[in-house]
Every structure is written in C-alpha cells, then in structure tokens.
C-alpha cells in the first residue's frame, strides 16, 4: 500500500500550524497551563552521548544529544519551555548527579564556543563590509576619472569588461558580508537564545520498564 502525498496535502490542507498541532499531540506530553513540553530520550548507556575521541578528565557531551535537543526546540512552538528526560538502559556506573554535572559543564563550554564563533563572524562580516565599500568607492572614483578624460570610454569593450567584473566582485563581497553579519549571525543567535531560554529541566535516569 502506498500513500499519494500530493492528494493528501490537497485534501487535508496540511498547513504548518496543523502539522505542529499533530506533532505535539502525537509525540510530546504537553502541559498547557505551565507552558511546558516533556521530551523523553532513550540511550543504551551514557557513552552514546559522550564524545569518545576526547581523552579528557571528564567526559564531554557530543553533538548527538545536542542535535536531539535542538531538533525538539525547533519543532516545538516557542511558547513552550522544554523538559528533557534522558533515560539509559545501563548507567555504566554513573550516578544521576554525575551525569548532570557533566552536562552542565559541557553546556558551559558550548556557550563559550558560540560566543567566540559569534565574535569571529562579526569580524569577518565587518571585514567584508569594509572591503566591499572600499571597492565600491574606488569603482565610482575610477569611473568618474576615466569618463572625464575619455568621453567615449563607456563604449570601449575593455572598460565595460573591467566595470562589470569589478561590479560583480563588489556585489559578491557585500552579499557575503550581509549573509555573515545579518543572516547567519541572527540564525545562530536565535538558536543560542532558544537553547538557553527554553531549555527548562534536564534529568538523567535509569530506564525502568513499566
């Protein structure tokens, strides 16, 4: 049996708001009074959420768990604070308190890394902006000088090629600056703010079958 998704979308008018309601009601426990959503994650053991490549004194949380958290925060409407219950079939000798401490310290490292990356992005965006503006001014000045000395220069092929190549270069540089300084930075900041504002409670527990 197969599903014709095109006809399904047409018949059911599957809008984003309806998809969100379906997702919330189907997959997550919601407390509308408290504006909280509960997300349950299950792993075999804590090694699955640790970065095993780091031979550090204390384990570091890997991107697997962080990506799961980011996904839940992205899917759930922003009005909900999110509680994560992280279960393990085998605790591997770790206590709940130890895992909480590992998680908190890893998040502190992640936040520091985000701030450093944001500063780097700001510098790169500012650099491209300055270079683009300088090139733009140079293009205007050179164009004015050349056209004042050579009245027919605008019809010369070499001049037209030079002008359009430089114009394209400036456009690319300024577009890259706008993308880095405004688009990417705002996306990263929104992700960072959502993570720190909406991540409500994180608990680590031994999974017990009911």
N, C-alpha and C. Protein backbone atom coordinates (compact mmCIF):
# COMPACT_ATOMS: atom_id res chain seq x y z
N UNK A 1 0.85 -1.20 0.00
CA UNK A 1 0.00 0.00 0.00
C UNK A 1 0.88 1.24 0.00
N UNK A 2 0.52 2.22 -0.81
CA UNK A 2 1.28 3.47 -0.88
C UNK A 2 0.36 4.65 -0.63
N UNK A 3 0.98 5.76 -0.24
CA UNK A 3 0.22 6.98 0.07
C UNK A 3 0.54 8.04 -0.97
N UNK A 4 -0.47 8.56 -1.60
CA UNK A 4 -0.31 9.65 -2.55
C UNK A 4 -0.25 10.96 -1.74
N UNK A 5 0.97 11.44 -1.48
CA UNK A 5 1.14 12.60 -0.61
C UNK A 5 0.60 13.88 -1.23
N UNK A 6 0.65 13.97 -2.56
CA UNK A 6 0.13 15.18 -3.21
C UNK A 6 -1.37 15.33 -2.97
N UNK A 7 -2.12 14.26 -3.17
CA UNK A 7 -3.56 14.34 -2.94
C UNK A 7 -3.85 14.50 -1.46
N UNK A 8 -3.00 13.90 -0.60
CA UNK A 8 -3.19 14.03 0.85
C UNK A 8 -3.07 15.50 1.26
N UNK A 9 -2.05 16.17 0.73
CA UNK A 9 -1.85 17.59 1.08
C UNK A 9 -3.03 18.43 0.59
N UNK A 10 -3.52 18.12 -0.62
CA UNK A 10 -4.62 18.90 -1.18
C UNK A 10 -5.89 18.70 -0.38
N UNK A 11 -6.20 17.44 -0.06
CA UNK A 11 -7.44 17.14 0.65
C UNK A 11 -7.44 17.68 2.08
N UNK A 12 -6.29 17.55 2.72
CA UNK A 12 -6.24 17.89 4.14
C UNK A 12 -5.72 19.29 4.42
N UNK A 13 -5.31 20.01 3.36
CA UNK A 13 -4.79 21.36 3.54
C UNK A 13 -3.78 21.38 4.70
N UNK A 14 -2.72 20.59 4.54
CA UNK A 14 -1.75 20.40 5.62
C UNK A 14 -0.87 21.63 5.77
N UNK A 15 -1.29 22.55 6.61
CA UNK A 15 -0.53 23.77 6.87
C UNK A 15 0.48 23.51 7.97
N UNK A 16 1.41 24.44 8.16
CA UNK A 16 2.42 24.29 9.20
C UNK A 16 1.80 24.28 10.59
N UNK A 17 0.81 25.13 10.81
CA UNK A 17 0.18 25.18 12.13
C UNK A 17 -0.50 23.85 12.45
N UNK A 18 -1.16 23.25 11.45
CA UNK A 18 -1.80 21.96 11.67
C UNK A 18 -0.73 20.89 11.91
N UNK A 19 0.36 20.94 11.17
CA UNK A 19 1.44 19.97 11.35
C UNK A 19 2.03 20.08 12.75
N UNK A 20 2.16 21.30 13.27
CA UNK A 20 2.68 21.49 14.62
C UNK A 20 1.74 20.87 15.65
N UNK A 21 0.44 21.08 15.47
CA UNK A 21 -0.52 20.52 16.43
C UNK A 21 -0.49 18.99 16.40
N UNK A 22 -0.38 18.45 15.18
CA UNK A 22 -0.33 16.99 15.05
C UNK A 22 0.92 16.46 15.75
N UNK A 23 2.05 17.13 15.53
CA UNK A 23 3.30 16.69 16.14
C UNK A 23 3.27 16.75 17.65
N UNK A 24 2.72 17.83 18.19
CA UNK A 24 2.66 18.00 19.63
C UNK A 24 1.75 16.96 20.25
N UNK A 25 0.58 16.81 19.69
CA UNK A 25 -0.40 15.89 20.27
C UNK A 25 0.03 14.43 20.15
N UNK A 26 0.77 14.12 19.09
CA UNK A 26 1.14 12.74 18.83
C UNK A 26 2.40 12.31 19.57
N UNK A 27 3.37 13.20 19.66
CA UNK A 27 4.69 12.78 20.11
C UNK A 27 5.13 13.31 21.48
N UNK A 28 4.52 14.39 21.96
CA UNK A 28 5.03 15.01 23.18
C UNK A 28 3.94 15.17 24.23
N UNK A 29 4.37 15.09 25.50
CA UNK A 29 3.48 15.38 26.62
C UNK A 29 3.50 16.88 26.88
N UNK A 30 2.33 17.49 26.81
CA UNK A 30 2.24 18.94 26.91
C UNK A 30 1.44 19.34 28.15
N UNK A 31 1.97 20.33 28.86
CA UNK A 31 1.23 20.93 29.97
C UNK A 31 0.94 22.37 29.58
N UNK A 32 -0.27 22.61 29.06
CA UNK A 32 -0.60 23.94 28.56
C UNK A 32 -0.68 24.99 29.67
N UNK A 33 -1.03 24.57 30.88
CA UNK A 33 -1.11 25.52 31.98
C UNK A 33 0.28 26.07 32.34
N UNK A 34 1.25 25.17 32.40
CA UNK A 34 2.62 25.58 32.72
C UNK A 34 3.41 26.01 31.48
N UNK A 35 2.83 25.78 30.30
CA UNK A 35 3.51 26.04 29.03
C UNK A 35 4.81 25.25 28.94
N UNK A 36 4.72 23.97 29.26
CA UNK A 36 5.88 23.10 29.25
C UNK A 36 5.62 21.88 28.36
N UNK A 37 6.68 21.43 27.71
CA UNK A 37 6.63 20.21 26.91
C UNK A 37 7.68 19.25 27.44
N UNK A 38 7.33 17.99 27.52
CA UNK A 38 8.25 16.96 28.02
C UNK A 38 8.73 16.09 26.87
N UNK A 39 10.05 15.98 26.75
CA UNK A 39 10.66 15.17 25.70
C UNK A 39 11.47 14.06 26.36
N UNK A 40 11.21 12.83 25.96
CA UNK A 40 11.91 11.67 26.52
C UNK A 40 12.87 11.10 25.49
N UNK A 41 14.12 10.90 25.91
CA UNK A 41 15.14 10.32 25.04
C UNK A 41 15.69 9.06 25.70
N UNK A 42 15.94 8.03 24.90
CA UNK A 42 16.41 6.76 25.44
C UNK A 42 17.71 6.35 24.74
N UNK A 43 18.73 6.02 25.56
CA UNK A 43 20.01 5.54 25.06
C UNK A 43 20.38 4.25 25.79
N UNK A 44 21.26 3.48 25.18
CA UNK A 44 21.70 2.25 25.82
C UNK A 44 22.53 2.55 27.08
N UNK A 45 23.48 3.48 26.93
CA UNK A 45 24.33 3.85 28.05
C UNK A 45 24.90 5.24 27.82
N UNK A 46 25.49 5.88 28.85
CA UNK A 46 26.00 7.25 28.71
C UNK A 46 27.06 7.44 27.64
N UNK A 47 27.78 6.35 27.27
CA UNK A 47 28.81 6.50 26.24
C UNK A 47 28.22 6.99 24.91
N UNK A 48 26.94 6.77 24.69
CA UNK A 48 26.31 7.21 23.45
C UNK A 48 26.18 8.73 23.37
N UNK A 49 26.20 9.41 24.50
CA UNK A 49 26.10 10.87 24.48
C UNK A 49 27.43 11.55 24.78
N UNK A 50 28.50 10.74 24.94
CA UNK A 50 29.83 11.29 25.19
C UNK A 50 30.64 11.30 23.90
N UNK A 51 31.51 12.30 23.77
CA UNK A 51 32.45 12.32 22.66
C UNK A 51 33.63 11.44 23.07
N UNK A 52 33.69 10.24 22.51
CA UNK A 52 34.67 9.25 22.92
C UNK A 52 36.07 9.53 22.38
N UNK A 53 36.21 10.52 21.49
CA UNK A 53 37.52 10.84 20.92
C UNK A 53 38.36 11.68 21.88
N UNK A 54 37.70 12.38 22.81
CA UNK A 54 38.42 13.20 23.77
C UNK A 54 38.84 12.35 24.97
N UNK A 55 40.14 12.26 25.19
CA UNK A 55 40.66 11.55 26.37
C UNK A 55 40.81 12.57 27.49
N UNK A 56 39.70 13.15 27.89
CA UNK A 56 39.70 14.22 28.88
C UNK A 56 39.44 13.67 30.28
N UNK A 57 39.71 14.51 31.28
CA UNK A 57 39.49 14.09 32.67
C UNK A 57 38.01 13.82 32.93
N UNK A 58 37.16 14.58 32.29
CA UNK A 58 35.71 14.42 32.44
C UNK A 58 35.10 14.28 31.06
N UNK A 59 34.14 13.37 30.88
CA UNK A 59 33.51 13.20 29.55
C UNK A 59 32.87 14.49 29.05
N UNK A 60 32.85 14.64 27.72
CA UNK A 60 32.25 15.79 27.08
C UNK A 60 31.04 15.34 26.28
N UNK A 61 29.94 16.05 26.43
CA UNK A 61 28.72 15.71 25.69
C UNK A 61 28.95 15.89 24.19
N UNK A 62 28.53 14.92 23.39
CA UNK A 62 28.75 15.03 21.95
C UNK A 62 27.57 15.70 21.24
N UNK A 63 27.71 15.85 19.92
CA UNK A 63 26.69 16.54 19.14
C UNK A 63 25.41 15.73 18.97
N UNK A 64 25.47 14.44 19.22
CA UNK A 64 24.27 13.59 19.06
C UNK A 64 23.16 14.07 19.98
N UNK A 65 23.48 14.21 21.27
CA UNK A 65 22.48 14.67 22.23
C UNK A 65 22.08 16.11 21.96
N UNK A 66 23.07 16.98 21.67
CA UNK A 66 22.77 18.39 21.42
C UNK A 66 21.86 18.55 20.21
N UNK A 67 22.08 17.76 19.17
CA UNK A 67 21.24 17.84 17.98
C UNK A 67 19.81 17.39 18.27
N UNK A 68 19.67 16.38 19.13
CA UNK A 68 18.33 15.95 19.54
C UNK A 68 17.62 17.07 20.27
N UNK A 69 18.35 17.76 21.14
CA UNK A 69 17.76 18.88 21.89
C UNK A 69 17.38 20.01 20.95
N UNK A 70 18.28 20.35 20.03
CA UNK A 70 18.00 21.42 19.07
C UNK A 70 16.77 21.08 18.22
N UNK A 71 16.67 19.83 17.82
CA UNK A 71 15.53 19.41 16.99
C UNK A 71 14.22 19.60 17.74
N UNK A 72 14.18 19.16 18.99
CA UNK A 72 12.96 19.31 19.78
C UNK A 72 12.61 20.78 19.99
N UNK A 73 13.60 21.61 20.25
CA UNK A 73 13.36 23.04 20.43
C UNK A 73 12.85 23.68 19.15
N UNK A 74 13.33 23.18 18.01
CA UNK A 74 12.90 23.73 16.72
C UNK A 74 11.49 23.30 16.37
N UNK A 75 11.15 22.04 16.68
CA UNK A 75 9.84 21.51 16.33
C UNK A 75 8.74 22.06 17.23
N UNK A 76 9.02 22.15 18.53
CA UNK A 76 8.01 22.61 19.47
C UNK A 76 7.85 24.12 19.38
N UNK A 77 6.63 24.63 19.43
CA UNK A 77 6.38 26.08 19.37
C UNK A 77 7.15 26.82 20.46
N UNK A 78 7.57 28.02 20.15
CA UNK A 78 8.44 28.79 21.05
C UNK A 78 7.78 29.16 22.37
N UNK A 79 6.46 29.03 22.48
CA UNK A 79 5.78 29.39 23.73
C UNK A 79 6.01 28.35 24.82
N UNK A 80 6.54 27.17 24.44
CA UNK A 80 6.74 26.10 25.41
C UNK A 80 8.18 26.07 25.92
N UNK A 81 8.33 25.94 27.24
CA UNK A 81 9.60 25.58 27.84
C UNK A 81 9.70 24.05 27.76
N UNK A 82 10.91 23.55 27.56
CA UNK A 82 11.05 22.12 27.27
C UNK A 82 11.84 21.41 28.37
N UNK A 83 11.25 20.32 28.85
CA UNK A 83 11.91 19.44 29.83
C UNK A 83 12.40 18.19 29.11
N UNK A 84 13.65 17.82 29.33
CA UNK A 84 14.21 16.63 28.72
C UNK A 84 14.47 15.57 29.78
N UNK A 85 13.87 14.40 29.60
CA UNK A 85 14.14 13.24 30.44
C UNK A 85 15.00 12.28 29.64
N UNK A 86 16.25 12.13 30.05
CA UNK A 86 17.19 11.31 29.29
C UNK A 86 17.40 10.00 30.05
N UNK A 87 16.97 8.91 29.42
CA UNK A 87 17.00 7.60 30.06
C UNK A 87 18.12 6.74 29.48
N UNK A 88 18.68 5.88 30.34
CA UNK A 88 19.70 4.92 29.92
C UNK A 88 19.30 3.53 30.38
N UNK A 89 19.45 2.56 29.49
CA UNK A 89 19.19 1.18 29.88
C UNK A 89 20.23 0.69 30.89
N UNK A 90 21.47 1.21 30.71
CA UNK A 90 22.55 0.87 31.63
C UNK A 90 23.29 2.16 31.97
N UNK A 91 23.39 2.50 33.24
CA UNK A 91 24.02 3.75 33.66
C UNK A 91 25.55 3.69 33.64
N UNK A 92 26.11 2.50 33.39
CA UNK A 92 27.57 2.32 33.33
C UNK A 92 28.30 2.85 34.56
N UNK A 93 27.67 2.75 35.69
CA UNK A 93 28.32 3.17 36.93
C UNK A 93 28.18 4.65 37.24
N UNK A 94 27.59 5.42 36.33
CA UNK A 94 27.41 6.86 36.57
C UNK A 94 26.16 7.08 37.42
N UNK A 95 26.25 8.05 38.30
CA UNK A 95 25.06 8.45 39.06
C UNK A 95 24.36 9.57 38.31
N UNK A 96 23.11 9.83 38.66
CA UNK A 96 22.36 10.92 38.03
C UNK A 96 23.06 12.25 38.24
N UNK A 97 23.60 12.45 39.45
CA UNK A 97 24.28 13.70 39.78
C UNK A 97 25.52 13.89 38.91
N UNK A 98 26.30 12.82 38.69
CA UNK A 98 27.50 12.91 37.86
C UNK A 98 27.15 13.29 36.43
N UNK A 99 26.11 12.68 35.90
CA UNK A 99 25.70 12.99 34.53
C UNK A 99 25.20 14.42 34.41
N UNK A 100 24.48 14.91 35.41
CA UNK A 100 24.02 16.31 35.40
C UNK A 100 25.21 17.26 35.41
N UNK A 101 26.24 16.95 36.22
CA UNK A 101 27.43 17.79 36.30
C UNK A 101 28.18 17.81 34.97
N UNK A 102 28.29 16.64 34.32
CA UNK A 102 28.95 16.54 33.01
C UNK A 102 28.19 17.38 31.99
N UNK A 103 26.86 17.29 32.01
CA UNK A 103 26.03 18.03 31.06
C UNK A 103 26.19 19.54 31.25
N UNK A 104 26.13 20.02 32.49
CA UNK A 104 26.23 21.45 32.77
C UNK A 104 27.58 22.00 32.30
N UNK A 105 28.66 21.29 32.61
CA UNK A 105 30.00 21.76 32.21
C UNK A 105 30.16 21.75 30.69
N UNK A 106 29.57 20.75 30.03
CA UNK A 106 29.64 20.71 28.56
C UNK A 106 28.86 21.87 27.94
N UNK A 107 27.72 22.21 28.53
CA UNK A 107 26.92 23.33 28.02
C UNK A 107 27.67 24.64 28.21
N UNK A 108 28.40 24.77 29.31
CA UNK A 108 29.21 25.97 29.54
C UNK A 108 30.27 26.11 28.46
N UNK A 109 30.90 24.99 28.09
CA UNK A 109 31.89 25.01 27.02
C UNK A 109 31.24 25.38 25.69
N UNK A 110 30.06 24.80 25.43
CA UNK A 110 29.34 25.08 24.18
C UNK A 110 28.95 26.55 24.09
N UNK A 111 28.47 27.13 25.19
CA UNK A 111 28.11 28.55 25.19
C UNK A 111 29.32 29.43 24.93
N UNK A 112 30.45 29.08 25.54
CA UNK A 112 31.68 29.85 25.33
C UNK A 112 32.12 29.76 23.87
N UNK A 113 31.98 28.57 23.29
CA UNK A 113 32.34 28.37 21.88
C UNK A 113 31.44 29.21 20.97
N UNK A 114 30.15 29.26 21.27
CA UNK A 114 29.23 30.08 20.48
C UNK A 114 29.61 31.56 20.53
N UNK A 115 29.96 32.03 21.71
CA UNK A 115 30.34 33.45 21.83
C UNK A 115 31.59 33.76 21.02
N UNK A 116 32.56 32.83 21.06
CA UNK A 116 33.79 33.02 20.28
C UNK A 116 33.48 33.02 18.79
N UNK A 117 32.65 32.07 18.35
CA UNK A 117 32.28 31.99 16.93
C UNK A 117 31.50 33.23 16.48
N UNK A 118 30.65 33.76 17.37
CA UNK A 118 29.90 34.95 17.03
C UNK A 118 30.82 36.15 16.83
N UNK A 119 31.83 36.27 17.70
CA UNK A 119 32.81 37.36 17.56
C UNK A 119 33.59 37.22 16.26
N UNK A 120 33.98 35.98 15.92
CA UNK A 120 34.70 35.75 14.67
C UNK A 120 33.83 36.12 13.47
N UNK A 121 32.55 35.70 13.51
CA UNK A 121 31.64 36.01 12.40
C UNK A 121 31.45 37.52 12.25
N UNK A 122 31.35 38.22 13.38
CA UNK A 122 31.21 39.67 13.34
C UNK A 122 32.43 40.33 12.69
N UNK A 123 33.62 39.85 13.04
CA UNK A 123 34.85 40.41 12.47
C UNK A 123 34.94 40.15 10.97
N UNK A 124 34.59 38.91 10.58
CA UNK A 124 34.64 38.56 9.15
C UNK A 124 33.61 39.37 8.37
N UNK A 125 32.39 39.50 8.93
CA UNK A 125 31.36 40.29 8.27
C UNK A 125 31.75 41.75 8.14
N UNK A 126 32.36 42.30 9.20
CA UNK A 126 32.81 43.69 9.17
C UNK A 126 33.93 43.87 8.15
N UNK A 127 34.84 42.89 8.09
CA UNK A 127 35.96 42.96 7.13
C UNK A 127 35.43 42.99 5.69
N UNK A 128 34.51 42.08 5.37
CA UNK A 128 33.94 42.05 4.02
C UNK A 128 33.17 43.33 3.72
N UNK A 129 32.49 43.88 4.72
CA UNK A 129 31.75 45.13 4.51
C UNK A 129 32.68 46.26 4.15
N UNK A 130 33.79 46.37 4.90
CA UNK A 130 34.76 47.44 4.64
C UNK A 130 35.39 47.29 3.26
N UNK A 131 35.81 46.04 2.94
CA UNK A 131 36.41 45.79 1.63
C UNK A 131 35.43 46.11 0.51
N UNK A 132 34.18 45.69 0.66
CA UNK A 132 33.17 45.95 -0.37
C UNK A 132 32.93 47.44 -0.57
N UNK A 133 32.84 48.18 0.54
CA UNK A 133 32.61 49.63 0.45
C UNK A 133 33.80 50.33 -0.18
N UNK A 134 35.03 49.91 0.20
CA UNK A 134 36.25 50.50 -0.38
C UNK A 134 36.29 50.26 -1.87
N UNK A 135 36.01 49.03 -2.29
CA UNK A 135 35.99 48.71 -3.73
C UNK A 135 34.92 49.51 -4.45
N UNK A 136 33.77 49.69 -3.82
CA UNK A 136 32.68 50.45 -4.43
C UNK A 136 33.07 51.90 -4.65
N UNK A 137 33.71 52.49 -3.64
CA UNK A 137 34.17 53.88 -3.77
C UNK A 137 35.24 53.99 -4.86
N UNK A 138 36.16 53.01 -4.88
CA UNK A 138 37.19 53.01 -5.92
C UNK A 138 36.58 52.91 -7.31
N UNK A 139 35.54 52.09 -7.45
CA UNK A 139 34.88 51.96 -8.75
C UNK A 139 34.26 53.28 -9.17
N UNK A 140 33.59 53.96 -8.24
CA UNK A 140 32.98 55.26 -8.56
C UNK A 140 34.04 56.29 -8.95
N UNK A 141 35.12 56.33 -8.16
CA UNK A 141 36.19 57.32 -8.41
C UNK A 141 36.86 57.04 -9.76
N UNK A 142 37.25 55.78 -9.99
CA UNK A 142 37.90 55.43 -11.25
C UNK A 142 37.00 55.69 -12.45
N UNK A 143 35.73 55.36 -12.28
CA UNK A 143 34.77 55.59 -13.37
C UNK A 143 34.65 57.08 -13.68
N UNK A 144 34.57 57.89 -12.63
CA UNK A 144 34.45 59.34 -12.83
C UNK A 144 35.69 59.91 -13.50
N UNK A 145 36.87 59.43 -13.05
CA UNK A 145 38.13 59.94 -13.63
C UNK A 145 38.25 59.55 -15.10
N UNK A 146 38.02 58.26 -15.38
CA UNK A 146 38.16 57.78 -16.75
C UNK A 146 37.15 58.43 -17.70
N UNK A 147 35.91 58.59 -17.25
CA UNK A 147 34.88 59.19 -18.11
C UNK A 147 35.11 60.68 -18.32
N UNK A 148 35.78 61.33 -17.36
CA UNK A 148 36.09 62.76 -17.53
C UNK A 148 37.22 62.97 -18.53
N UNK A 149 38.14 61.99 -18.61
CA UNK A 149 39.29 62.11 -19.52
C UNK A 149 38.99 61.56 -20.91
N UNK A 150 38.15 60.51 -20.94
CA UNK A 150 37.84 59.86 -22.22
C UNK A 150 36.33 59.83 -22.38
N UNK A 151 35.82 60.67 -23.20
CA UNK A 151 34.38 60.82 -23.36
C UNK A 151 33.72 59.57 -23.95
N UNK A 152 34.46 58.83 -24.75
CA UNK A 152 33.89 57.66 -25.41
C UNK A 152 34.30 56.35 -24.74
N UNK A 153 34.82 56.43 -23.53
CA UNK A 153 35.36 55.22 -22.88
C UNK A 153 34.26 54.20 -22.55
N UNK A 154 33.05 54.70 -22.28
CA UNK A 154 31.96 53.79 -21.90
C UNK A 154 31.61 52.81 -23.02
N UNK A 155 32.00 53.13 -24.24
CA UNK A 155 31.72 52.24 -25.37
C UNK A 155 32.86 51.26 -25.64
N UNK A 156 33.98 51.43 -24.94
CA UNK A 156 35.13 50.54 -25.14
C UNK A 156 34.89 49.21 -24.44
N UNK A 157 35.19 48.11 -25.13
CA UNK A 157 34.96 46.78 -24.61
C UNK A 157 35.77 46.52 -23.34
N UNK A 158 37.06 46.91 -23.35
CA UNK A 158 37.92 46.66 -22.20
C UNK A 158 37.39 47.36 -20.95
N UNK A 159 36.90 48.58 -21.11
CA UNK A 159 36.35 49.33 -19.98
C UNK A 159 35.08 48.67 -19.46
N UNK A 160 34.22 48.25 -20.38
CA UNK A 160 32.95 47.63 -19.98
C UNK A 160 33.20 46.32 -19.23
N UNK A 161 34.17 45.51 -19.73
CA UNK A 161 34.51 44.26 -19.06
C UNK A 161 35.06 44.55 -17.67
N UNK A 162 35.98 45.54 -17.58
CA UNK A 162 36.56 45.92 -16.28
C UNK A 162 35.46 46.37 -15.32
N UNK A 163 34.54 47.18 -15.79
CA UNK A 163 33.48 47.73 -14.94
C UNK A 163 32.55 46.61 -14.42
N UNK A 164 32.13 45.73 -15.32
CA UNK A 164 31.19 44.70 -14.91
C UNK A 164 31.83 43.65 -14.01
N UNK A 165 33.10 43.30 -14.27
CA UNK A 165 33.81 42.34 -13.42
C UNK A 165 33.95 42.90 -12.01
N UNK A 166 34.36 44.17 -11.91
CA UNK A 166 34.52 44.81 -10.60
C UNK A 166 33.17 44.98 -9.91
N UNK A 167 32.15 45.28 -10.68
CA UNK A 167 30.81 45.43 -10.12
C UNK A 167 30.31 44.11 -9.53
N UNK A 168 30.54 43.02 -10.27
CA UNK A 168 30.15 41.69 -9.78
C UNK A 168 30.93 41.33 -8.52
N UNK A 169 32.23 41.62 -8.52
CA UNK A 169 33.08 41.33 -7.36
C UNK A 169 32.58 42.07 -6.12
N UNK A 170 32.24 43.33 -6.28
CA UNK A 170 31.73 44.14 -5.16
C UNK A 170 30.40 43.58 -4.66
N UNK A 171 29.53 43.21 -5.60
CA UNK A 171 28.22 42.66 -5.22
C UNK A 171 28.39 41.37 -4.40
N UNK A 172 29.30 40.50 -4.85
CA UNK A 172 29.55 39.23 -4.15
C UNK A 172 30.09 39.49 -2.75
N UNK A 173 31.04 40.42 -2.63
CA UNK A 173 31.64 40.73 -1.33
C UNK A 173 30.60 41.30 -0.37
N UNK A 174 29.82 42.25 -0.84
CA UNK A 174 28.80 42.86 0.02
C UNK A 174 27.70 41.86 0.37
N UNK A 175 27.34 40.99 -0.57
CA UNK A 175 26.33 39.97 -0.29
C UNK A 175 26.83 39.01 0.78
N UNK A 176 28.11 38.64 0.68
CA UNK A 176 28.71 37.75 1.68
C UNK A 176 28.73 38.43 3.05
N UNK A 177 29.02 39.72 3.06
CA UNK A 177 29.04 40.47 4.32
C UNK A 177 27.65 40.50 4.96
N UNK A 178 26.63 40.76 4.14
CA UNK A 178 25.25 40.79 4.65
C UNK A 178 24.85 39.41 5.18
N UNK A 179 25.22 38.35 4.42
CA UNK A 179 24.87 36.99 4.83
C UNK A 179 25.51 36.64 6.17
N UNK A 180 26.80 36.95 6.32
CA UNK A 180 27.52 36.62 7.55
C UNK A 180 27.04 37.49 8.71
N UNK A 181 26.96 38.80 8.47
CA UNK A 181 26.74 39.74 9.57
C UNK A 181 25.29 39.77 10.02
N UNK A 182 24.37 39.53 9.11
CA UNK A 182 22.96 39.64 9.48
C UNK A 182 22.24 38.29 9.50
N UNK A 183 22.29 37.56 8.37
CA UNK A 183 21.52 36.33 8.27
C UNK A 183 22.08 35.25 9.18
N UNK A 184 23.35 34.85 8.97
CA UNK A 184 23.93 33.76 9.75
C UNK A 184 24.01 34.12 11.23
N UNK A 185 24.41 35.35 11.53
CA UNK A 185 24.54 35.74 12.92
C UNK A 185 23.19 35.70 13.63
N UNK A 186 22.15 36.18 12.95
CA UNK A 186 20.83 36.17 13.56
C UNK A 186 20.30 34.75 13.75
N UNK A 187 20.59 33.86 12.78
CA UNK A 187 20.17 32.47 12.92
C UNK A 187 20.87 31.82 14.11
N UNK A 188 22.19 32.01 14.21
CA UNK A 188 22.95 31.42 15.31
C UNK A 188 22.50 32.00 16.64
N UNK A 189 22.26 33.30 16.67
CA UNK A 189 21.83 33.94 17.91
C UNK A 189 20.45 33.44 18.33
N UNK A 190 19.54 33.30 17.35
CA UNK A 190 18.19 32.79 17.67
C UNK A 190 18.28 31.37 18.22
N UNK A 191 19.14 30.56 17.63
CA UNK A 191 19.33 29.18 18.10
C UNK A 191 19.90 29.18 19.51
N UNK A 192 20.87 30.04 19.74
CA UNK A 192 21.53 30.14 21.04
C UNK A 192 20.55 30.64 22.11
N UNK A 193 19.79 31.67 21.78
CA UNK A 193 18.82 32.22 22.74
C UNK A 193 17.74 31.21 23.06
N UNK A 194 17.24 30.51 22.03
CA UNK A 194 16.21 29.50 22.24
C UNK A 194 16.72 28.39 23.15
N UNK A 195 17.96 27.98 22.94
CA UNK A 195 18.54 26.92 23.75
C UNK A 195 18.62 27.35 25.21
N UNK A 196 19.11 28.54 25.47
CA UNK A 196 19.31 28.99 26.85
C UNK A 196 18.01 29.43 27.52
N UNK A 197 17.05 29.92 26.73
CA UNK A 197 15.81 30.41 27.32
C UNK A 197 14.79 29.30 27.53
N UNK A 198 14.68 28.38 26.59
CA UNK A 198 13.60 27.40 26.62
C UNK A 198 13.99 26.06 27.22
N UNK A 199 15.28 25.78 27.33
CA UNK A 199 15.70 24.54 27.94
C UNK A 199 15.44 24.64 29.44
N UNK A 200 14.42 23.95 29.89
CA UNK A 200 13.91 24.16 31.24
C UNK A 200 14.55 23.24 32.27
N UNK A 201 14.33 21.95 32.14
CA UNK A 201 14.86 20.97 33.09
C UNK A 201 15.42 19.79 32.30
N UNK A 202 16.61 19.33 32.71
CA UNK A 202 17.21 18.14 32.10
C UNK A 202 17.50 17.14 33.21
N UNK A 203 16.97 15.95 33.08
CA UNK A 203 17.20 14.91 34.08
C UNK A 203 17.77 13.65 33.42
N UNK A 204 18.62 12.96 34.15
CA UNK A 204 19.22 11.71 33.68
C UNK A 204 18.73 10.60 34.60
N UNK A 205 18.18 9.55 34.00
CA UNK A 205 17.59 8.49 34.82
C UNK A 205 17.89 7.11 34.24
N UNK A 206 17.80 6.13 35.11
CA UNK A 206 17.87 4.73 34.68
C UNK A 206 16.49 4.36 34.12
N UNK A 207 16.51 3.74 32.94
CA UNK A 207 15.24 3.36 32.31
C UNK A 207 14.67 2.13 32.96
N UNK A 208 13.47 2.26 33.43
CA UNK A 208 12.77 1.14 34.06
C UNK A 208 11.52 0.83 33.25
N UNK A 209 11.42 -0.40 32.78
CA UNK A 209 10.23 -0.80 32.02
C UNK A 209 9.04 -0.87 32.94
N UNK A 210 7.94 -0.31 32.47
CA UNK A 210 6.72 -0.33 33.29
C UNK A 210 6.02 -1.69 33.22
